[in-house]
PDB file of N, CA and C in Angstrom:
ATOM      1  N   MET A   1      -9.240  33.178 -28.745  1.00  0.00           N
ATOM      2  CA  MET A   1      -9.973  32.731 -27.568  1.00  0.00           C
ATOM      3  C   MET A   1     -10.165  31.206 -27.595  1.00  0.00           C
ATOM      4  N   LYS A   2     -10.506  30.682 -28.770  1.00  0.00           N
ATOM      5  CA  LYS A   2     -10.711  29.242 -28.904  1.00  0.00           C
ATOM      6  C   LYS A   2      -9.402  28.490 -28.637  1.00  0.00           C
ATOM      7  N   LEU A   3      -8.300  29.066 -29.106  1.00  0.00           N
ATOM      8  CA  LEU A   3      -6.984  28.467 -28.873  1.00  0.00           C
ATOM      9  C   LEU A   3      -6.662  28.455 -27.382  1.00  0.00           C
ATOM     10  N   LEU A   4      -6.966  29.523 -26.682  1.00  0.00           N
ATOM     11  CA  LEU A   4      -6.716  29.610 -25.246  1.00  0.00           C
ATOM     12  C   LEU A   4      -7.514  28.556 -24.479  1.00  0.00           C
ATOM     13  N   ILE A   5      -8.758  28.364 -24.840  1.00  0.00           N
ATOM     14  CA  ILE A   5      -9.607  27.349 -24.198  1.00  0.00           C
ATOM     15  C   ILE A   5      -9.052  25.953 -24.473  1.00  0.00           C
ATOM     16  N   THR A   6      -8.627  25.705 -25.698  1.00  0.00           N
ATOM     17  CA  THR A   6      -8.070  24.403 -26.061  1.00  0.00           C
ATOM     18  C   THR A   6      -6.788  24.126 -25.282  1.00  0.00           C
ATOM     19  N   ILE A   7      -5.916  25.116 -25.198  1.00  0.00           N
ATOM     20  CA  ILE A   7      -4.662  24.944 -24.455  1.00  0.00           C
ATOM     21  C   ILE A   7      -4.952  24.729 -22.970  1.00  0.00           C
ATOM     22  N   SER A   8      -5.863  25.487 -22.414  1.00  0.00           N
ATOM     23  CA  SER A   8      -6.229  25.326 -21.005  1.00  0.00           C
ATOM     24  C   SER A   8      -6.789  23.934 -20.731  1.00  0.00           C
ATOM     25  N   ALA A   9      -7.625  23.449 -21.633  1.00  0.00           N
ATOM     26  CA  ALA A   9      -8.200  22.108 -21.478  1.00  0.00           C
ATOM     27  C   ALA A   9      -7.103  21.057 -21.534  1.00  0.00           C
ATOM     28  N   LEU A  10      -6.155  21.196 -22.450  1.00  0.00           N
ATOM     29  CA  LEU A  10      -5.047  20.240 -22.553  1.00  0.00           C
ATOM     30  C   LEU A  10      -4.179  20.253 -21.301  1.00  0.00           C
ATOM     31  N   ILE A  11      -3.917  21.434 -20.767  1.00  0.00           N
ATOM     32  CA  ILE A  11      -3.132  21.534 -19.537  1.00  0.00           C
ATOM     33  C   ILE A  11      -3.871  20.864 -18.377  1.00  0.00           C
ATOM     34  N   LEU A  12      -5.163  21.104 -18.280  1.00  0.00           N
ATOM     35  CA  LEU A  12      -5.963  20.495 -17.222  1.00  0.00           C
ATOM     36  C   LEU A  12      -5.967  18.973 -17.344  1.00  0.00           C
ATOM     37  N   ILE A  13      -6.189  18.464 -18.532  1.00  0.00           N
ATOM     38  CA  ILE A  13      -6.210  17.011 -18.747  1.00  0.00           C
ATOM     39  C   ILE A  13      -4.857  16.404 -18.430  1.00  0.00           C
ATOM     40  N   THR A  14      -3.797  17.037 -18.876  1.00  0.00           N
ATOM     41  CA  THR A  14      -2.446  16.538 -18.604  1.00  0.00           C
ATOM     42  C   THR A  14      -2.166  16.541 -17.108  1.00  0.00           C
ATOM     43  N   SER A  15      -2.534  17.601 -16.434  1.00  0.00           N
ATOM     44  CA  SER A  15      -2.313  17.691 -14.991  1.00  0.00           C
ATOM     45  C   SER A  15      -3.072  16.599 -14.239  1.00  0.00           C
ATOM     46  N   LEU A  16      -4.319  16.398 -14.594  1.00  0.00           N
ATOM     47  CA  LEU A  16      -5.124  15.365 -13.936  1.00  0.00           C
ATOM     48  C   LEU A  16      -4.566  13.972 -14.198  1.00  0.00           C
ATOM     49  N   THR A  17      -4.090  13.746 -15.403  1.00  0.00           N
ATOM     50  CA  THR A  17      -3.495  12.444 -15.742  1.00  0.00           C
ATOM     51  C   THR A  17      -2.253  12.191 -14.903  1.00  0.00           C
ATOM     52  N   ILE A  18      -1.407  13.189 -14.800  1.00  0.00           N
ATOM     53  CA  ILE A  18      -0.178  13.048 -14.006  1.00  0.00           C
ATOM     54  C   ILE A  18      -0.516  12.837 -12.532  1.00  0.00           C
ATOM     55  N   LEU A  19      -1.431  13.622 -11.999  1.00  0.00           N
ATOM     56  CA  LEU A  19      -1.819  13.470 -10.593  1.00  0.00           C
ATOM     57  C   LEU A  19      -2.415  12.098 -10.312  1.00  0.00           C
ATOM     58  N   SER A  20      -3.250  11.599 -11.198  1.00  0.00           N
ATOM     59  CA  SER A  20      -3.858  10.286 -10.964  1.00  0.00           C
ATOM     60  C   SER A  20      -2.826   9.183 -11.042  1.00  0.00           C
ATOM     61  N   ALA A  21      -1.810   9.364 -11.870  1.00  0.00           N
ATOM     62  CA  ALA A  21      -0.748   8.357 -11.970  1.00  0.00           C
ATOM     63  C   ALA A  21       0.010   8.247 -10.652  1.00  0.00           C
ATOM     64  N   PHE A  22       0.213   9.363  -9.971  1.00  0.00           N
ATOM     65  CA  PHE A  22       0.923   9.338  -8.701  1.00  0.00           C
ATOM     66  C   PHE A  22       0.001   9.054  -7.529  1.00  0.00           C
ATOM     67  N   ALA A  23      -1.219   9.470  -7.604  1.00  0.00           N
ATOM     68  CA  ALA A  23      -2.154   9.310  -6.487  1.00  0.00           C
ATOM     69  C   ALA A  23      -2.395   7.849  -6.155  1.00  0.00           C
ATOM     70  N   HIS A  24      -2.467   6.988  -7.154  1.00  0.00           N
ATOM     71  CA  HIS A  24      -2.763   5.587  -6.861  1.00  0.00           C
ATOM     72  C   HIS A  24      -1.644   4.911  -6.094  1.00  0.00           C
ATOM     73  N   ARG A  25      -0.436   5.429  -6.147  1.00  0.00           N
ATOM     74  CA  ARG A  25       0.685   4.824  -5.435  1.00  0.00           C
ATOM     75  C   ARG A  25       0.530   4.990  -3.928  1.00  0.00           C
ATOM     76  N   TRP A  26      -0.265   5.945  -3.488  1.00  0.00           N
ATOM     77  CA  TRP A  26      -0.351   6.233  -2.072  1.00  0.00           C
ATOM     78  C   TRP A  26      -1.716   5.921  -1.481  1.00  0.00           C
ATOM     79  N   CYS A  27      -2.540   5.199  -2.205  1.00  0.00           N
ATOM     80  CA  CYS A  27      -3.875   4.968  -1.683  1.00  0.00           C
ATOM     81  C   CYS A  27      -3.906   3.869  -0.625  1.00  0.00           C
ATOM     82  N   TRP A  28      -2.872   3.044  -0.516  1.00  0.00           N
ATOM     83  CA  TRP A  28      -2.834   2.027   0.514  1.00  0.00           C
ATOM     84  C   TRP A  28      -2.097   2.586   1.719  1.00  0.00           C
ATOM     85  N   THR A  29      -2.713   2.561   2.866  1.00  0.00           N
ATOM     86  CA  THR A  29      -2.034   2.974   4.089  1.00  0.00           C
ATOM     87  C   THR A  29      -2.183   1.884   5.127  1.00  0.00           C
ATOM     88  N   CYS A  30      -1.105   1.612   5.794  1.00  0.00           N
ATOM     89  CA  CYS A  30      -1.105   0.594   6.839  1.00  0.00           C
ATOM     90  C   CYS A  30      -1.659   1.182   8.129  1.00  0.00           C
ATOM     91  N   ASP A  31      -2.412   0.384   8.835  1.00  0.00           N
ATOM     92  CA  ASP A  31      -2.872   0.793  10.153  1.00  0.00           C
ATOM     93  C   ASP A  31      -3.143  -0.454  10.980  1.00  0.00           C
ATOM     94  N   GLN A  32      -3.619  -0.247  12.199  1.00  0.00           N
ATOM     95  CA  GLN A  32      -3.840  -1.371  13.116  1.00  0.00           C
ATOM     96  C   GLN A  32      -4.949  -2.302  12.655  1.00  0.00           C
ATOM     97  N   TYR A  33      -5.751  -1.874  11.702  1.00  0.00           N
ATOM     98  CA  TYR A  33      -6.870  -2.690  11.242  1.00  0.00           C
ATOM     99  C   TYR A  33      -6.524  -3.565  10.039  1.00  0.00           C
ATOM    100  N   ASN A  34      -5.429  -3.268   9.353  1.00  0.00           N
ATOM    101  CA  ASN A  34      -5.122  -4.033   8.144  1.00  0.00           C
ATOM    102  C   ASN A  34      -3.682  -4.532   8.085  1.00  0.00           C
ATOM    103  N   THR A  35      -2.960  -4.454   9.204  1.00  0.00           N
ATOM    104  CA  THR A  35      -1.567  -4.879   9.208  1.00  0.00           C
ATOM    105  C   THR A  35      -1.348  -5.897  10.315  1.00  0.00           C
ATOM    106  N   VAL A  36      -0.966  -7.098   9.925  1.00  0.00           N
ATOM    107  CA  VAL A  36      -0.673  -8.141  10.901  1.00  0.00           C
ATOM    108  C   VAL A  36       0.515  -7.711  11.752  1.00  0.00           C
ATOM    109  N   GLY A  37       0.358  -7.759  13.066  1.00  0.00           N
ATOM    110  CA  GLY A  37       1.435  -7.441  13.990  1.00  0.00           C
ATOM    111  C   GLY A  37       1.650  -5.963  14.233  1.00  0.00           C
ATOM    112  N   TRP A  38       0.707  -5.147  13.817  1.00  0.00           N
ATOM    113  CA  TRP A  38       0.837  -3.697  14.000  1.00  0.00           C
ATOM    114  C   TRP A  38       1.244  -3.340  15.426  1.00  0.00           C
ATOM    115  N   GLN A  39       0.587  -3.969  16.398  1.00  0.00           N
ATOM    116  CA  GLN A  39       0.833  -3.633  17.800  1.00  0.00           C
ATOM    117  C   GLN A  39       2.210  -4.092  18.274  1.00  0.00           C
ATOM    118  N   LEU A  40       2.853  -4.962  17.500  1.00  0.00           N
ATOM    119  CA  LEU A  40       4.172  -5.464  17.873  1.00  0.00           C
ATOM    120  C   LEU A  40       5.304  -4.753  17.140  1.00  0.00           C
ATOM    121  N   MET A  41       4.945  -3.840  16.250  1.00  0.00           N
ATOM    122  CA  MET A  41       5.933  -3.139  15.438  1.00  0.00           C
ATOM    123  C   MET A  41       6.277  -1.787  16.074  1.00  0.00           C
ATOM    124  N   THR A  42       7.519  -1.385  15.908  1.00  0.00           N
ATOM    125  CA  THR A  42       7.930  -0.049  16.342  1.00  0.00           C
ATOM    126  C   THR A  42       7.427   0.965  15.307  1.00  0.00           C
ATOM    127  N   PRO A  43       7.368   2.233  15.678  1.00  0.00           N
ATOM    128  CA  PRO A  43       6.976   3.247  14.690  1.00  0.00           C
ATOM    129  C   PRO A  43       7.875   3.221  13.441  1.00  0.00           C
ATOM    130  N   GLU A  44       9.142   2.954  13.634  1.00  0.00           N
ATOM    131  CA  GLU A  44      10.063   2.877  12.502  1.00  0.00           C
ATOM    132  C   GLU A  44       9.723   1.687  11.600  1.00  0.00           C
ATOM    133  N   GLU A  45       9.396   0.546  12.206  1.00  0.00           N
ATOM    134  CA  GLU A  45       9.013  -0.631  11.421  1.00  0.00           C
ATOM    135  C   GLU A  45       7.723  -0.382  10.647  1.00  0.00           C
ATOM    136  N   ARG A  46       6.789   0.295  11.269  1.00  0.00           N
ATOM    137  CA  ARG A  46       5.528   0.614  10.591  1.00  0.00           C
ATOM    138  C   ARG A  46       5.784   1.504   9.372  1.00  0.00           C
ATOM    139  N   LYS A  47       6.628   2.500   9.566  1.00  0.00           N
ATOM    140  CA  LYS A  47       6.962   3.420   8.477  1.00  0.00           C
ATOM    141  C   LYS A  47       7.658   2.671   7.335  1.00  0.00           C
ATOM    142  N   GLU A  48       8.587   1.804   7.682  1.00  0.00           N
ATOM    143  CA  GLU A  48       9.298   1.017   6.670  1.00  0.00           C
ATOM    144  C   GLU A  48       8.336   0.073   5.936  1.00  0.00           C
ATOM    145  N   HIS A  49       7.447  -0.549   6.691  1.00  0.00           N
ATOM    146  CA  HIS A  49       6.461  -1.466   6.104  1.00  0.00           C
ATOM    147  C   HIS A  49       5.572  -0.716   5.111  1.00  0.00           C
ATOM    148  N   GLN A  50       5.096   0.451   5.512  1.00  0.00           N
ATOM    149  CA  GLN A  50       4.275   1.283   4.629  1.00  0.00           C
ATOM    150  C   GLN A  50       5.039   1.639   3.358  1.00  0.00           C
ATOM    151  N   ALA A  51       6.287   2.041   3.520  1.00  0.00           N
ATOM    152  CA  ALA A  51       7.099   2.436   2.364  1.00  0.00           C
ATOM    153  C   ALA A  51       7.307   1.256   1.417  1.00  0.00           C
ATOM    154  N   ARG A  52       7.582   0.098   1.971  1.00  0.00           N
ATOM    155  CA  ARG A  52       7.791  -1.087   1.118  1.00  0.00           C
ATOM    156  C   ARG A  52       6.531  -1.423   0.344  1.00  0.00           C
ATOM    157  N   LEU A  53       5.393  -1.409   1.022  1.00  0.00           N
ATOM    158  CA  LEU A  53       4.143  -1.719   0.330  1.00  0.00           C
ATOM    159  C   LEU A  53       3.835  -0.691  -0.756  1.00  0.00           C
ATOM    160  N   SER A  54       4.166   0.556  -0.495  1.00  0.00           N
ATOM    161  CA  SER A  54       3.888   1.618  -1.462  1.00  0.00           C
ATOM    162  C   SER A  54       4.752   1.518  -2.709  1.00  0.00           C
ATOM    163  N   ASN A  55       5.882   0.827  -2.611  1.00  0.00           N
ATOM    164  CA  ASN A  55       6.814   0.768  -3.736  1.00  0.00           C
ATOM    165  C   ASN A  55       6.666  -0.460  -4.619  1.00  0.00           C
ATOM    166  N   PHE A  56       5.850  -1.410  -4.230  1.00  0.00           N
ATOM    167  CA  PHE A  56       5.675  -2.597  -5.068  1.00  0.00           C
ATOM    168  C   PHE A  56       4.894  -2.253  -6.328  1.00  0.00           C
ATOM    169  N   THR A  57       5.283  -2.878  -7.422  1.00  0.00           N
ATOM    170  CA  THR A  57       4.530  -2.742  -8.673  1.00  0.00           C
ATOM    171  C   THR A  57       3.997  -4.096  -9.126  1.00  0.00           C
ATOM    172  N   GLY A  58       4.583  -5.174  -8.606  1.00  0.00           N
ATOM    173  CA  GLY A  58       4.156  -6.512  -8.988  1.00  0.00           C
ATOM    174  C   GLY A  58       3.475  -7.239  -7.844  1.00  0.00           C
ATOM    175  N   TYR A  59       2.420  -7.957  -8.169  1.00  0.00           N
ATOM    176  CA  TYR A  59       1.638  -8.674  -7.159  1.00  0.00           C
ATOM    177  C   TYR A  59       2.467  -9.754  -6.459  1.00  0.00           C
ATOM    178  N   ASN A  60       3.207 -10.549  -7.229  1.00  0.00           N
ATOM    179  CA  ASN A  60       3.931 -11.676  -6.635  1.00  0.00           C
ATOM    180  C   ASN A  60       4.990 -11.228  -5.630  1.00  0.00           C
ATOM    181  N   SER A  61       5.730 -10.184  -5.955  1.00  0.00           N
ATOM    182  CA  SER A  61       6.750  -9.704  -5.018  1.00  0.00           C
ATOM    183  C   SER A  61       6.090  -9.103  -3.771  1.00  0.00           C
ATOM    184  N   CYS A  62       4.964  -8.433  -3.944  1.00  0.00           N
ATOM    185  CA  CYS A  62       4.218  -7.886  -2.807  1.00  0.00           C
ATOM    186  C   CYS A  62       3.734  -9.025  -1.912  1.00  0.00           C
ATOM    187  N   LYS A  63       3.133 -10.025  -2.508  1.00  0.00           N
ATOM    188  CA  LYS A  63       2.582 -11.159  -1.757  1.00  0.00           C
ATOM    189  C   LYS A  63       3.686 -11.885  -0.990  1.00  0.00           C
ATOM    190  N   GLU A  64       4.826 -12.065  -1.639  1.00  0.00           N
ATOM    191  CA  GLU A  64       5.955 -12.730  -0.978  1.00  0.00           C
ATOM    192  C   GLU A  64       6.407 -11.926   0.247  1.00  0.00           C
ATOM    193  N   TYR A  65       6.509 -10.615   0.082  1.00  0.00           N
ATOM    194  CA  TYR A  65       6.906  -9.763   1.203  1.00  0.00           C
ATOM    195  C   TYR A  65       5.888  -9.838   2.338  1.00  0.00           C
ATOM    196  N   VAL A  66       4.611  -9.721   2.016  1.00  0.00           N
ATOM    197  CA  VAL A  66       3.566  -9.730   3.047  1.00  0.00           C
ATOM    198  C   VAL A  66       3.531 -11.076   3.766  1.00  0.00           C
ATOM    199  N   ASP A  67       3.671 -12.162   3.031  1.00  0.00           N
ATOM    200  CA  ASP A  67       3.694 -13.487   3.666  1.00  0.00           C
ATOM    201  C   ASP A  67       4.866 -13.603   4.636  1.00  0.00           C
ATOM    202  N   THR A  68       6.035 -13.107   4.231  1.00  0.00           N
ATOM    203  CA  THR A  68       7.216 -13.127   5.094  1.00  0.00           C
ATOM    204  C   THR A  68       7.000 -12.238   6.322  1.00  0.00           C
ATOM    205  N   HIS A  69       6.436 -11.067   6.094  1.00  0.00           N
ATOM    206  CA  HIS A  69       6.136 -10.153   7.205  1.00  0.00           C
ATOM    207  C   HIS A  69       5.180 -10.813   8.199  1.00  0.00           C
ATOM    208  N   ASN A  70       4.129 -11.439   7.688  1.00  0.00           N
ATOM    209  CA  ASN A  70       3.139 -12.075   8.566  1.00  0.00           C
ATOM    210  C   ASN A  70       3.758 -13.190   9.403  1.00  0.00           C
ATOM    211  N   LYS A  71       4.619 -13.998   8.792  1.00  0.00           N
ATOM    212  CA  LYS A  71       5.289 -15.071   9.541  1.00  0.00           C
ATOM    213  C   LYS A  71       6.181 -14.485  10.628  1.00  0.00           C
ATOM    214  N   LYS A  72       6.896 -13.415  10.291  1.00  0.00           N
ATOM    215  CA  LYS A  72       7.761 -12.755  11.269  1.00  0.00           C
ATOM    216  C   LYS A  72       6.934 -12.224  12.440  1.00  0.00           C
ATOM    217  N   MET A  73       5.789 -11.628  12.154  1.00  0.00           N
ATOM    218  CA  MET A  73       4.936 -11.093  13.210  1.00  0.00           C
ATOM    219  C   MET A  73       4.325 -12.213  14.046  1.00  0.00           C
ATOM    220  N   GLU A  74       3.984 -13.339  13.420  1.00  0.00           N
ATOM    221  CA  GLU A  74       3.448 -14.486  14.161  1.00  0.00           C
ATOM    222  C   GLU A  74       4.498 -15.038  15.119  1.00  0.00           C
ATOM    223  N   GLU A  75       5.741 -15.106  14.667  1.00  0.00           N
ATOM    224  CA  GLU A  75       6.820 -15.571  15.540  1.00  0.00           C
ATOM    225  C   GLU A  75       7.017 -14.603  16.710  1.00  0.00           C
ATOM    226  N   ARG A  76       6.999 -13.316  16.422  1.00  0.00           N
ATOM    227  CA  ARG A  76       7.151 -12.299  17.459  1.00  0.00           C
ATOM    228  C   ARG A  76       5.994 -12.388  18.460  1.00  0.00           C
ATOM    229  N   ALA A  77       4.792 -12.597  17.956  1.00  0.00           N
ATOM    230  CA  ALA A  77       3.620 -12.704  18.834  1.00  0.00           C
ATOM    231  C   ALA A  77       3.724 -13.934  19.717  1.00  0.00           C
ATOM    232  N   GLY A  78       4.192 -15.040  19.147  1.00  0.00           N
ATOM    233  CA  GLY A  78       4.345 -16.267  19.919  1.00  0.00           C
ATOM    234  C   GLY A  78       5.301 -16.103  21.079  1.00  0.00           C
ATOM    235  N   LYS A  79       6.376 -15.366  20.852  1.00  0.00           N
ATOM    236  CA  LYS A  79       7.361 -15.133  21.911  1.00  0.00           C
ATOM    237  C   LYS A  79       6.793 -14.261  23.030  1.00  0.00           C
ATOM    238  N   LYS A  80       5.814 -13.428  22.697  1.00  0.00           N
ATOM    239  CA  LYS A  80       5.218 -12.536  23.687  1.00  0.00           C
ATOM    240  C   LYS A  80       3.856 -13.034  24.159  1.00  0.00           C
ATOM    241  N   SER A  81       3.468 -14.218  23.735  1.00  0.00           N
ATOM    242  CA  SER A  81       2.169 -14.812  24.071  1.00  0.00           C
ATOM    243  C   SER A  81       1.007 -13.885  23.702  1.00  0.00           C
ATOM    244  N   VAL A  82       1.099 -13.299  22.524  1.00  0.00           N
ATOM    245  CA  VAL A  82       0.057 -12.415  22.002  1.00  0.00           C
ATOM    246  C   VAL A  82      -0.665 -13.129  20.872  1.00  0.00           C
ATOM    247  N   VAL A  83      -1.982 -13.037  20.872  1.00  0.00           N
ATOM    248  CA  VAL A  83      -2.763 -13.607  19.777  1.00  0.00           C
ATOM    249  C   VAL A  83      -3.041 -12.490  18.778  1.00  0.00           C
ATOM    250  N   LEU A  84      -2.595 -12.696  17.549  1.00  0.00           N
ATOM    251  CA  LEU A  84      -2.805 -11.687  16.519  1.00  0.00           C
ATOM    252  C   LEU A  84      -4.184 -11.834  15.887  1.00  0.00           C
ATOM    253  N   PRO A  85      -4.850 -10.732  15.652  1.00  0.00           N
ATOM    254  CA  PRO A  85      -6.123 -10.809  14.930  1.00  0.00           C
ATOM    255  C   PRO A  85      -5.863 -11.213  13.479  1.00  0.00           C
ATOM    256  N   LYS A  86      -6.806 -11.896  12.894  1.00  0.00           N
ATOM    257  CA  LYS A  86      -6.664 -12.314  11.499  1.00  0.00           C
ATOM    258  C   LYS A  86      -6.820 -11.106  10.588  1.00  0.00           C
ATOM    259  N   MET A  87      -6.011 -11.096   9.560  1.00  0.00           N
ATOM    260  CA  MET A  87      -6.089 -10.024   8.581  1.00  0.00           C
ATOM    261  C   MET A  87      -7.303 -10.282   7.697  1.00  0.00           C
ATOM    262  N   LYS A  88      -8.133  -9.248   7.524  1.00  0.00           N
ATOM    263  CA  LYS A  88      -9.345  -9.407   6.721  1.00  0.00           C
ATOM    264  C   LYS A  88      -9.021  -9.641   5.255  1.00  0.00           C
ATOM    265  N   GLU A  89      -8.060  -8.895   4.751  1.00  0.00           N
ATOM    266  CA  GLU A  89      -7.703  -9.015   3.346  1.00  0.00           C
ATOM    267  C   GLU A  89      -6.222  -8.719   3.178  1.00  0.00           C
ATOM    268  N   ASN A  90      -5.591  -9.444   2.296  1.00  0.00           N
ATOM    269  CA  ASN A  90      -4.189  -9.211   2.004  1.00  0.00           C
ATOM    270  C   ASN A  90      -4.057  -7.859   1.297  1.00  0.00           C
ATOM    271  N   PRO A  91      -3.142  -6.996   1.757  1.00  0.00           N
ATOM    272  CA  PRO A  91      -3.005  -5.685   1.116  1.00  0.00           C
ATOM    273  C   PRO A  91      -2.644  -5.782  -0.364  1.00  0.00           C
ATOM    274  N   CYS A  92      -1.936  -6.828  -0.738  1.00  0.00           N
ATOM    275  CA  CYS A  92      -1.567  -7.008  -2.147  1.00  0.00           C
ATOM    276  C   CYS A  92      -2.814  -7.256  -2.996  1.00  0.00           C
ATOM    277  N   ASP A  93      -3.762  -8.011  -2.442  1.00  0.00           N
ATOM    278  CA  ASP A  93      -5.023  -8.237  -3.161  1.00  0.00           C
ATOM    279  C   ASP A  93      -5.785  -6.928  -3.335  1.00  0.00           C
ATOM    280  N   THR A  94      -5.782  -6.110  -2.284  1.00  0.00           N
ATOM    281  CA  THR A  94      -6.461  -4.818  -2.343  1.00  0.00           C
ATOM    282  C   THR A  94      -5.818  -3.923  -3.396  1.00  0.00           C
ATOM    283  N   MET A  95      -4.489  -3.851  -3.378  1.00  0.00           N
ATOM    284  CA  MET A  95      -3.794  -2.990  -4.333  1.00  0.00           C
ATOM    285  C   MET A  95      -3.947  -3.498  -5.766  1.00  0.00           C
ATOM    286  N   LYS A  96      -3.988  -4.815  -5.916  1.00  0.00           N
ATOM    287  CA  LYS A  96      -4.191  -5.383  -7.263  1.00  0.00           C
ATOM    288  C   LYS A  96      -5.589  -5.030  -7.780  1.00  0.00           C
ATOM    289  N   ALA A  97      -6.572  -5.130  -6.902  1.00  0.00           N
ATOM    290  CA  ALA A  97      -7.947  -4.807  -7.290  1.00  0.00           C
ATOM    291  C   ALA A  97      -8.093  -3.328  -7.665  1.00  0.00           C
ATOM    292  N   LYS A  98      -7.276  -2.475  -7.055  1.00  0.00           N
ATOM    293  CA  LYS A  98      -7.317  -1.045  -7.378  1.00  0.00           C
ATOM    294  C   LYS A  98      -6.454  -0.688  -8.581  1.00  0.00           C
ATOM    295  N   GLY A  99      -5.778  -1.686  -9.136  1.00  0.00           N
ATOM    296  CA  GLY A  99      -4.947  -1.440 -10.314  1.00  0.00           C
ATOM    297  C   GLY A  99      -3.549  -0.947 -10.016  1.00  0.00           C
ATOM    298  N   ILE A 100      -3.150  -0.989  -8.750  1.00  0.00           N
ATOM    299  CA  ILE A 100      -1.816  -0.530  -8.359  1.00  0.00           C
ATOM    300  C   ILE A 100      -0.766  -1.575  -8.700  1.00  0.00           C
ATOM    301  N   LEU A 101      -1.098  -2.833  -8.492  1.00  0.00           N
ATOM    302  CA  LEU A 101      -0.172  -3.936  -8.779  1.00  0.00           C
ATOM    303  C   LEU A 101      -0.591  -4.690 -10.020  1.00  0.00           C
ATOM    304  N   LYS A 102       0.405  -5.232 -10.686  1.00  0.00           N
ATOM    305  CA  LYS A 102       0.138  -6.036 -11.883  1.00  0.00           C
ATOM    306  C   LYS A 102       0.460  -7.479 -11.636  1.00  0.00           C
TER     307      LYS A 102
END
């Protein structure tokens, strides 16, 4: 009985460890409140943007991508005479603070 409890506890701990390792990769989601140019992006662009952000592991590469994305959206907004709202926080900073990026 003691062996069964020990094995069950080990399985539970291992499962939780594995789930938490994967769960943090998906905690950032893009939406109209945290993505520069959201309203100017197609659904496909939004999906691609989300996927790219979810796959970064390094802060510098994430920041470089987001800066490039923001400039692209600013140019697109300028052509359409749209004023973009300021982003409250860089998603890379958020993900770094949560331990997703190094």
